Amino acid sequence: MQRVLLTAGRLPVALELARALHRRGLTVFAADSYQRFVCQASNAVTRCFHVPAPREHPLAFRECILDIIRRERVDVVVPCGEEVLYLATARERLARVAEPFFPDQDLLLTLHHKLRFNELCMRLGLSVPASAAYTGQSVLPEFAQKDYVLKRAYSRAGVRVHFAPGGTRPERYLLPKDGSWLMQERMFGRTVCSFSLVRQGQVLRTYLYQPGAQLGSISVIFCHTQSPRIEAWIERLAKATGFHGFLSLDFIENDRDVFAVECNPRVTSGVHLADPAAMVDAIVGRPLSAQEQARPPAQVTLAVLSALPQILREPQRWQRLLHFLQARDVIWDAHDPWPVAYQVLCYAYFYRQAFKKQIPFAACPMDGYEWDDDRSILPAFDMRDARDEQFQGI
């Protein structure tokens, strides 16, 4: 029986994966840097672990994960958030004791960094918006003479984004001039998100969806859609880079073309629309069945209820409410009911963390996992740091 470790166990995507793996006969473990996380209540998870937050304690986090892998004889490690970038710093060490279901760090950083991703795609002949680093240049790029977008090179969930009128100088938004922000051509069309299962450059399955409702900038209802052009785009990227793991992208599609505006080289909410058997087979390296299990639209119901005031103010509120009534709750499962009640305690813990750390509630799902700069790529990263000694033995 194969044994799988999921990290970022607070996320609904981790619970979705845990249930899928458990039902195919695998033993599942989950780890998280929060003391309360939804996987703790699931009967699909054999054991849960509290680990250091990788952003604050990268060395201790890595060593704790390696210790869990050895003690529990884990066969495969599946990161569910941006902690994948911290785990990738030890990919070679990790690969000696378990299979990492993610690519090497260089590729992850290229895909996660919005400008480097854009430049890679241009070299590969893949359509992306025109982009340029913001370093305080006196002359704006030509595309910025029309409406354009300002965004952090490292960011997630649509946060820290400014939609600038054409010709407006970035100084208006009081942004740093160190290249950590980029200017990007604003594309118009429908927004499509993708989630792909990829092994060694081969796309096994791709699921496309559109956000049916949002809590702040985070999607909480996910509805299926189709686009052969986007699927072909993803296959070209995966093959050219040899990507391995979960690959997620955001696109703008219009009559002219499809444009990838962002890449998330990790699990995203598209997992809730994926065939559970296909996900498990992709993770453990089994041949995928030709038969695909269709799944209904999905939602995080508690988050949708939190977003109702915002939804009711939208022009498309009746369509959003219809999506709400049609979608399945990703937390509820008749064979694994306890996470539904336990998520209330988790949400209370989120609010407590948000108040304690003075961060938005919507930032809690990735709190402590964010990779917002390259500070962790240091020669000393392979050495223990005295600041992390407090976490030894967790």
Protein backbone atom coordinates (compact mmCIF):
# COMPACT_ATOMS: atom_id res chain seq x y z
CA MET A 1 0.00 0.00 0.00
CA GLN A 2 1.54 3.32 -1.06
CA ARG A 3 1.81 6.16 1.43
CA VAL A 4 1.34 9.81 0.44
CA LEU A 5 2.13 13.00 2.35
CA LEU A 6 0.07 16.12 1.57
CA THR A 7 1.33 19.50 2.72
CA ALA A 8 -0.84 22.62 3.28
CA GLY A 9 -3.55 20.49 4.88
CA ARG A 10 -5.64 23.58 5.68
CA LEU A 11 -6.70 23.93 2.04
CA PRO A 12 -9.88 22.38 0.62
CA VAL A 13 -7.77 21.09 -2.29
CA ALA A 14 -5.77 19.00 0.19
CA LEU A 15 -8.98 17.48 1.57
CA GLU A 16 -10.14 16.70 -1.97
CA LEU A 17 -6.87 14.92 -2.73
CA ALA A 18 -6.85 13.07 0.60
CA ARG A 19 -10.28 11.58 -0.05
CA ALA A 20 -9.40 10.59 -3.61
CA LEU A 21 -6.18 8.88 -2.49
CA HIS A 22 -7.82 7.11 0.44
CA ARG A 23 -10.59 5.68 -1.74
CA ARG A 24 -8.03 4.17 -4.07
CA GLY A 25 -6.46 2.34 -1.15
CA LEU A 26 -3.53 4.65 -0.35
CA THR A 27 -2.47 5.73 3.14
CA VAL A 28 -2.60 9.52 3.51
CA PHE A 29 -0.76 11.86 5.87
CA ALA A 30 -1.22 15.64 6.06
CA ALA A 31 0.94 18.46 7.43
CA ASP A 32 0.33 22.17 8.00
CA SER A 33 1.89 25.10 9.80
CA TYR A 34 -1.48 26.13 11.27
CA GLN A 35 -2.52 24.35 14.46
CA ARG A 36 -6.03 23.80 13.13
CA PHE A 37 -6.62 22.62 9.58
CA VAL A 38 -9.48 20.85 7.87
CA CYS A 39 -7.66 17.60 7.09
CA GLN A 40 -7.40 16.93 10.83
CA ALA A 41 -11.09 15.98 10.88
CA SER A 42 -11.03 13.69 7.84
CA ASN A 43 -11.20 9.92 8.17
CA ALA A 44 -9.28 9.77 4.89
CA VAL A 45 -6.14 10.99 6.69
CA THR A 46 -4.23 8.52 8.87
CA ARG A 47 -2.21 11.11 10.77
CA CYS A 48 -1.68 14.88 10.76
CA PHE A 49 1.41 16.88 11.66
CA HIS A 50 2.00 20.46 12.78
CA VAL A 51 5.14 21.82 11.10
CA PRO A 52 6.92 25.21 11.03
CA ALA A 53 5.81 27.84 8.53
CA PRO A 54 8.27 27.69 5.62
CA ARG A 55 8.29 31.43 5.00
CA GLU A 56 9.47 32.18 8.55
CA HIS A 57 11.43 28.98 9.20
CA PRO A 58 12.40 27.42 5.84
CA LEU A 59 15.13 25.18 7.22
CA ALA A 60 13.04 23.78 10.06
CA PHE A 61 10.10 23.23 7.70
CA ARG A 62 12.22 21.27 5.28
CA GLU A 63 13.81 19.13 7.99
CA CYS A 64 10.45 18.39 9.61
CA ILE A 65 9.00 17.23 6.29
CA LEU A 66 12.02 15.02 5.64
CA ASP A 67 11.69 13.58 9.15
CA ILE A 68 8.01 12.77 8.58
CA ILE A 69 8.84 11.09 5.28
CA ARG A 70 11.41 8.85 6.92
CA ARG A 71 9.38 7.98 10.03
CA GLU A 72 6.14 7.27 8.16
CA ARG A 73 7.86 5.60 5.17
CA VAL A 74 6.18 8.00 2.74
CA ASP A 75 6.36 7.06 -0.95
CA VAL A 76 5.10 10.26 -2.61
CA VAL A 77 5.06 13.91 -1.48
CA VAL A 78 2.31 16.16 -2.89
CA PRO A 79 2.48 19.87 -1.98
CA CYS A 80 -0.86 21.69 -2.15
CA GLY A 81 0.31 25.33 -1.98
CA GLU A 82 3.31 27.57 -2.50
CA GLU A 83 5.28 25.55 0.04
CA VAL A 84 6.22 23.54 -3.04
CA LEU A 85 8.85 26.24 -3.73
CA TYR A 86 10.44 25.69 -0.33
CA LEU A 87 10.33 21.90 -0.68
CA ALA A 88 11.95 22.24 -4.09
CA THR A 89 15.08 23.65 -2.43
CA ALA A 90 15.63 20.10 -1.09
CA ARG A 91 14.22 18.17 -4.04
CA GLU A 92 17.35 16.08 -4.58
CA ARG A 93 17.51 15.06 -0.92
CA LEU A 94 13.80 14.41 -0.82
CA ALA A 95 13.92 12.30 -3.98
CA ARG A 96 16.27 9.83 -2.26
CA VAL A 97 13.50 8.80 0.15
CA ALA A 98 10.23 9.58 -1.69
CA GLU A 99 8.94 10.68 -5.09
CA PRO A 100 8.36 14.45 -5.25
CA PHE A 101 5.25 15.17 -7.34
CA PHE A 102 6.63 18.52 -8.50
CA PRO A 103 9.43 19.71 -10.82
CA ASP A 104 12.82 21.20 -9.94
CA GLN A 105 13.17 24.58 -8.31
CA ASP A 106 14.51 26.46 -11.34
CA LEU A 107 11.43 25.63 -13.39
CA LEU A 108 9.08 26.34 -10.47
CA LEU A 109 10.61 29.77 -9.90
CA THR A 110 10.46 30.61 -13.60
CA LEU A 111 6.77 29.71 -13.80
CA HIS A 112 5.86 31.35 -10.48
CA HIS A 113 7.58 34.65 -11.33
CA LYS A 114 5.15 36.48 -13.61
CA LEU A 115 7.73 38.24 -15.77
CA ARG A 116 10.04 35.22 -16.13
CA PHE A 117 7.02 33.11 -17.05
CA ASN A 118 6.04 35.70 -19.66
CA GLU A 119 9.56 35.74 -21.13
CA LEU A 120 9.69 31.92 -21.24
CA CYS A 121 6.40 31.78 -23.12
CA MET A 122 7.59 34.36 -25.64
CA ARG A 123 10.70 32.26 -26.32
CA LEU A 124 8.46 29.23 -26.85
CA GLY A 125 6.14 31.13 -29.20
CA LEU A 126 3.20 30.94 -26.79
CA SER A 127 0.81 33.90 -26.62
CA VAL A 128 1.07 36.12 -23.54
CA PRO A 129 0.42 39.83 -22.89
CA ALA A 130 3.31 42.24 -23.47
CA SER A 131 5.07 42.85 -20.14
CA ALA A 132 7.99 44.79 -18.67
CA ALA A 133 9.59 45.11 -15.24
CA TYR A 134 8.91 48.40 -13.47
CA THR A 135 12.20 50.01 -12.44
CA GLY A 136 11.23 53.66 -12.53
CA GLN A 137 11.91 54.06 -16.25
CA SER A 138 11.21 57.52 -17.64
CA VAL A 139 9.49 56.25 -20.81
CA LEU A 140 6.49 53.97 -20.54
CA PRO A 141 6.32 50.90 -22.83
CA GLU A 142 4.13 51.36 -25.87
CA PHE A 143 1.45 49.00 -24.55
CA ALA A 144 1.05 51.21 -21.44
CA GLN A 145 -0.28 54.03 -23.63
CA LYS A 146 -3.55 52.06 -23.40
CA ASP A 147 -5.08 50.62 -20.23
CA TYR A 148 -2.59 48.30 -18.58
CA VAL A 149 -2.08 46.25 -15.40
CA LEU A 150 0.42 46.63 -12.56
CA LYS A 151 1.08 43.49 -10.52
CA ARG A 152 3.64 41.98 -8.21
CA ALA A 153 6.06 39.57 -9.89
CA TYR A 154 5.39 37.15 -7.03
CA SER A 155 1.75 37.14 -5.94
CA ARG A 156 -1.38 35.02 -5.93
CA ALA A 157 -5.20 35.10 -5.96
CA GLY A 158 -5.38 38.39 -7.82
CA VAL A 159 -4.08 40.44 -4.88
CA ARG A 160 -1.86 43.50 -5.31
CA VAL A 161 -3.16 44.27 -8.78
CA HIS A 162 -3.78 47.78 -10.11
CA PHE A 163 -5.66 48.51 -13.34
CA ALA A 164 -4.01 51.66 -14.65
CA PRO A 165 -5.56 53.99 -17.26
CA GLY A 166 -3.51 54.37 -20.40
CA GLY A 167 -0.60 56.76 -20.03
CA THR A 168 -0.78 56.80 -16.22
CA ARG A 169 2.64 56.59 -14.60
CA PRO A 170 3.21 53.78 -12.06
CA GLU A 171 4.53 56.35 -9.56
CA ARG A 172 0.92 57.23 -8.90
CA TYR A 173 0.54 53.90 -7.09
CA LEU A 174 3.65 54.41 -4.89
CA LEU A 175 5.28 51.19 -6.09
CA PRO A 176 8.90 50.20 -5.39
CA LYS A 177 11.26 50.66 -8.33
CA ASP A 178 13.29 47.51 -7.72
CA GLY A 179 11.78 45.30 -10.44
CA SER A 180 9.49 43.45 -8.00
CA TRP A 181 6.47 44.82 -9.92
CA LEU A 182 5.69 44.56 -13.60
CA MET A 183 3.61 46.44 -16.11
CA GLN A 184 1.50 44.23 -18.34
CA GLU A 185 -0.73 44.82 -21.34
CA ARG A 186 -4.36 44.58 -20.31
CA MET A 187 -6.20 41.87 -22.21
CA PHE A 188 -9.97 41.75 -22.62
CA GLY A 189 -12.13 38.66 -23.04
CA ARG A 190 -13.43 35.84 -20.89
CA THR A 191 -11.34 34.58 -17.97
CA VAL A 192 -10.61 30.85 -18.04
CA CYS A 193 -8.64 28.94 -15.42
CA SER A 194 -6.97 25.59 -16.05
CA PHE A 195 -5.83 22.66 -13.93
CA SER A 196 -3.70 19.94 -15.54
CA LEU A 197 -2.31 16.58 -14.44
CA VAL A 198 1.18 16.28 -15.95
CA ARG A 199 3.83 13.55 -15.78
CA GLN A 200 7.27 14.21 -17.24
CA GLY A 201 6.02 16.72 -19.80
CA GLN A 202 2.93 14.76 -20.86
CA VAL A 203 -0.46 16.28 -20.10
CA LEU A 204 -2.70 13.45 -18.88
CA ARG A 205 -5.83 15.52 -18.23
CA THR A 206 -6.79 19.19 -18.35
CA TYR A 207 -9.83 20.71 -16.65
CA LEU A 208 -11.00 24.22 -17.57
CA TYR A 209 -13.29 26.32 -15.44
CA GLN A 210 -14.56 29.83 -14.85
CA PRO A 211 -15.08 31.47 -11.47
CA GLY A 212 -18.80 31.55 -10.63
CA ALA A 213 -18.38 33.80 -7.58
CA GLN A 214 -15.55 35.30 -5.56
CA LEU A 215 -14.76 36.16 -1.94
CA GLY A 216 -12.60 39.24 -2.40
CA SER A 217 -10.23 38.08 -5.13
CA ILE A 218 -10.55 34.35 -4.33
CA SER A 219 -12.90 32.20 -6.40
CA VAL A 220 -15.36 30.17 -4.31
CA ILE A 221 -17.59 28.66 -7.05
CA PHE A 222 -16.05 26.79 -9.99
CA CYS A 223 -17.92 26.01 -13.22
CA HIS A 224 -16.73 23.81 -16.13
CA THR A 225 -15.94 25.29 -19.52
CA GLN A 226 -14.18 24.20 -22.73
CA SER A 227 -11.50 25.58 -25.05
CA PRO A 228 -9.45 23.41 -27.42
CA ARG A 229 -7.11 26.37 -28.01
CA ILE A 230 -6.24 26.59 -24.32
CA GLU A 231 -5.71 22.83 -24.03
CA ALA A 232 -3.29 22.92 -26.98
CA TRP A 233 -1.45 25.89 -25.40
CA ILE A 234 -0.96 23.95 -22.15
CA GLU A 235 0.30 20.84 -23.94
CA ARG A 236 2.96 22.90 -25.72
CA LEU A 237 4.18 24.45 -22.45
CA ALA A 238 4.27 21.12 -20.58
CA LYS A 239 6.14 19.34 -23.37
CA ALA A 240 8.68 22.14 -23.85
CA THR A 241 9.51 22.38 -20.13
CA GLY A 242 9.17 18.71 -19.13
CA PHE A 243 6.86 19.78 -16.31
CA HIS A 244 5.96 17.18 -13.68
CA GLY A 245 3.10 17.60 -11.23
CA PHE A 246 0.03 19.84 -11.07
CA LEU A 247 0.05 22.76 -13.51
CA SER A 248 -2.47 25.61 -13.27
CA LEU A 249 -2.83 28.72 -15.42
CA ASP A 250 -5.13 31.71 -15.87
CA PHE A 251 -6.07 32.75 -19.40
CA ILE A 252 -7.90 35.53 -21.19
CA GLU A 253 -9.62 34.20 -24.30
CA ASN A 254 -11.03 36.41 -27.04
CA ASP A 255 -11.76 36.14 -30.76
CA ARG A 256 -8.12 36.84 -31.58
CA ASP A 257 -6.30 34.30 -29.44
CA VAL A 258 -5.79 32.92 -25.93
CA PHE A 259 -3.32 34.68 -23.64
CA ALA A 260 -1.84 33.17 -20.49
CA VAL A 261 -1.69 35.94 -17.89
CA GLU A 262 -0.45 33.92 -14.93
CA CYS A 263 0.92 30.49 -14.00
CA ASN A 264 0.51 28.62 -10.71
CA PRO A 265 2.79 25.55 -10.78
CA ARG A 266 0.81 23.82 -8.04
CA VAL A 267 -2.64 22.60 -7.05
CA THR A 268 -5.49 25.08 -7.45
CA SER A 269 -9.27 24.88 -7.11
CA GLY A 270 -9.57 23.09 -10.45
CA VAL A 271 -8.86 19.93 -8.45
CA HIS A 272 -12.50 20.04 -7.33
CA LEU A 273 -13.62 19.45 -10.91
CA ALA A 274 -11.09 16.72 -11.73
CA ASP A 275 -11.81 13.01 -11.91
CA PRO A 276 -10.56 11.64 -8.53
CA ALA A 277 -9.33 8.38 -10.08
CA ALA A 278 -7.34 10.28 -12.73
CA MET A 279 -5.68 12.43 -10.07
CA VAL A 280 -4.59 9.40 -8.07
CA ASP A 281 -3.29 7.57 -11.15
CA ALA A 282 -1.31 10.67 -12.17
CA ILE A 283 0.25 10.98 -8.71
CA VAL A 284 1.32 7.34 -8.36
CA GLY A 285 2.21 6.78 -12.01
CA ARG A 286 -0.54 4.36 -13.02
CA PRO A 287 -2.04 4.36 -16.55
CA LEU A 288 -5.14 6.54 -16.66
CA SER A 289 -8.46 5.02 -17.57
CA ALA A 290 -10.00 6.20 -20.82
CA GLN A 291 -13.30 6.67 -18.98
CA GLU A 292 -13.65 10.06 -17.29
CA GLN A 293 -15.91 10.66 -14.29
CA ALA A 294 -17.92 13.83 -14.89
CA ARG A 295 -18.24 16.07 -11.84
CA PRO A 296 -20.73 18.89 -11.16
CA PRO A 297 -19.74 22.52 -10.49
CA ALA A 298 -18.08 22.89 -7.09
CA GLN A 299 -18.02 25.44 -4.30
CA VAL A 300 -16.72 26.11 -0.81
CA THR A 301 -20.17 26.73 0.70
CA LEU A 302 -19.04 28.46 3.90
CA ALA A 303 -16.90 30.84 1.84
CA VAL A 304 -19.83 31.47 -0.54
CA LEU A 305 -22.05 32.39 2.42
CA SER A 306 -19.34 34.82 3.56
CA ALA A 307 -19.31 36.28 0.05
CA LEU A 308 -23.11 36.67 -0.27
CA PRO A 309 -23.17 40.43 0.51
CA GLN A 310 -20.64 40.96 -2.29
CA ILE A 311 -22.50 38.61 -4.67
CA LEU A 312 -25.83 40.38 -4.09
CA ARG A 313 -24.28 43.69 -5.20
CA GLU A 314 -23.11 42.27 -8.53
CA PRO A 315 -25.09 42.81 -11.79
CA GLN A 316 -24.94 39.02 -12.39
CA ARG A 317 -26.19 38.17 -8.89
CA TRP A 318 -29.03 35.90 -10.09
CA GLN A 319 -26.66 33.84 -12.21
CA ARG A 320 -24.24 33.63 -9.27
CA LEU A 321 -27.02 32.46 -6.97
CA LEU A 322 -28.06 29.83 -9.52
CA HIS A 323 -24.47 28.53 -9.55
CA PHE A 324 -24.62 28.44 -5.75
CA LEU A 325 -27.75 26.27 -5.80
CA GLN A 326 -26.35 23.88 -8.42
CA ALA A 327 -22.81 23.37 -7.11
CA ARG A 328 -21.67 20.67 -4.71
CA ASP A 329 -19.92 21.62 -1.48
CA VAL A 330 -16.28 20.47 -1.66
CA ILE A 331 -16.11 19.99 2.12
CA TRP A 332 -19.22 17.82 2.51
CA ASP A 333 -18.95 14.07 1.96
CA ALA A 334 -21.41 11.54 3.34
CA HIS A 335 -18.59 9.05 3.93
CA ASP A 336 -16.41 11.68 5.61
CA PRO A 337 -18.79 14.11 7.35
CA TRP A 338 -16.72 15.62 10.17
CA PRO A 339 -14.77 18.22 8.15
CA VAL A 340 -18.02 20.16 7.57
CA ALA A 341 -18.38 20.92 11.29
CA TYR A 342 -14.65 21.22 11.86
CA GLN A 343 -14.27 23.86 9.16
CA VAL A 344 -16.17 26.28 11.42
CA LEU A 345 -13.38 25.95 14.00
CA CYS A 346 -10.83 26.33 11.22
CA TYR A 347 -12.51 29.54 10.01
CA ALA A 348 -12.51 30.87 13.59
CA TYR A 349 -8.80 30.06 13.74
CA PHE A 350 -8.31 31.89 10.41
CA TYR A 351 -10.04 35.00 11.78
CA ARG A 352 -7.89 34.83 14.90
CA GLN A 353 -4.72 34.60 12.80
CA ALA A 354 -5.88 37.46 10.58
CA PHE A 355 -6.45 39.67 13.64
CA LYS A 356 -3.22 38.60 15.33
CA LYS A 357 -1.05 39.15 12.26
CA GLN A 358 -3.02 42.12 10.90
CA ILE A 359 -3.53 40.47 7.52
CA PRO A 360 -6.70 40.16 5.39
CA PHE A 361 -8.79 37.08 6.11
CA ALA A 362 -8.43 36.08 2.44
CA ALA A 363 -4.64 35.86 2.96
CA CYS A 364 -4.93 33.12 5.61
CA PRO A 365 -5.10 30.13 3.19
CA MET A 366 -1.56 30.95 2.05
CA ASP A 367 -0.26 32.55 5.24
CA GLY A 368 3.26 31.33 5.93
CA TYR A 369 3.53 29.56 2.57
CA GLU A 370 3.97 32.58 0.30
CA TRP A 371 7.06 32.86 -1.86
CA ASP A 372 7.26 36.59 -2.54
CA ASP A 373 10.96 36.99 -3.31
CA ASP A 374 14.15 35.02 -3.83
CA ARG A 375 15.50 35.58 -0.31
CA SER A 376 15.48 31.86 0.50
CA ILE A 377 17.93 30.98 -2.26
CA LEU A 378 21.06 31.38 -0.17
CA PRO A 379 24.24 29.31 0.13
CA ALA A 380 23.45 28.94 3.84
CA PHE A 381 20.12 27.33 3.05
CA ASP A 382 21.70 23.87 3.33
CA MET A 383 22.82 24.59 6.88
CA ARG A 384 20.72 24.66 10.04
CA ASP A 385 19.90 28.11 11.32
CA ALA A 386 19.84 28.81 15.06
CA ARG A 387 16.51 30.61 14.65
CA ASP A 388 14.91 27.28 13.72
CA GLU A 389 16.18 25.26 16.69
CA GLN A 390 12.91 25.84 18.57
CA PHE A 391 11.17 23.63 16.02
CA GLN A 392 13.39 20.59 16.35
CA GLY A 393 11.39 17.55 17.34
CA ILE A 394 8.02 18.82 16.10
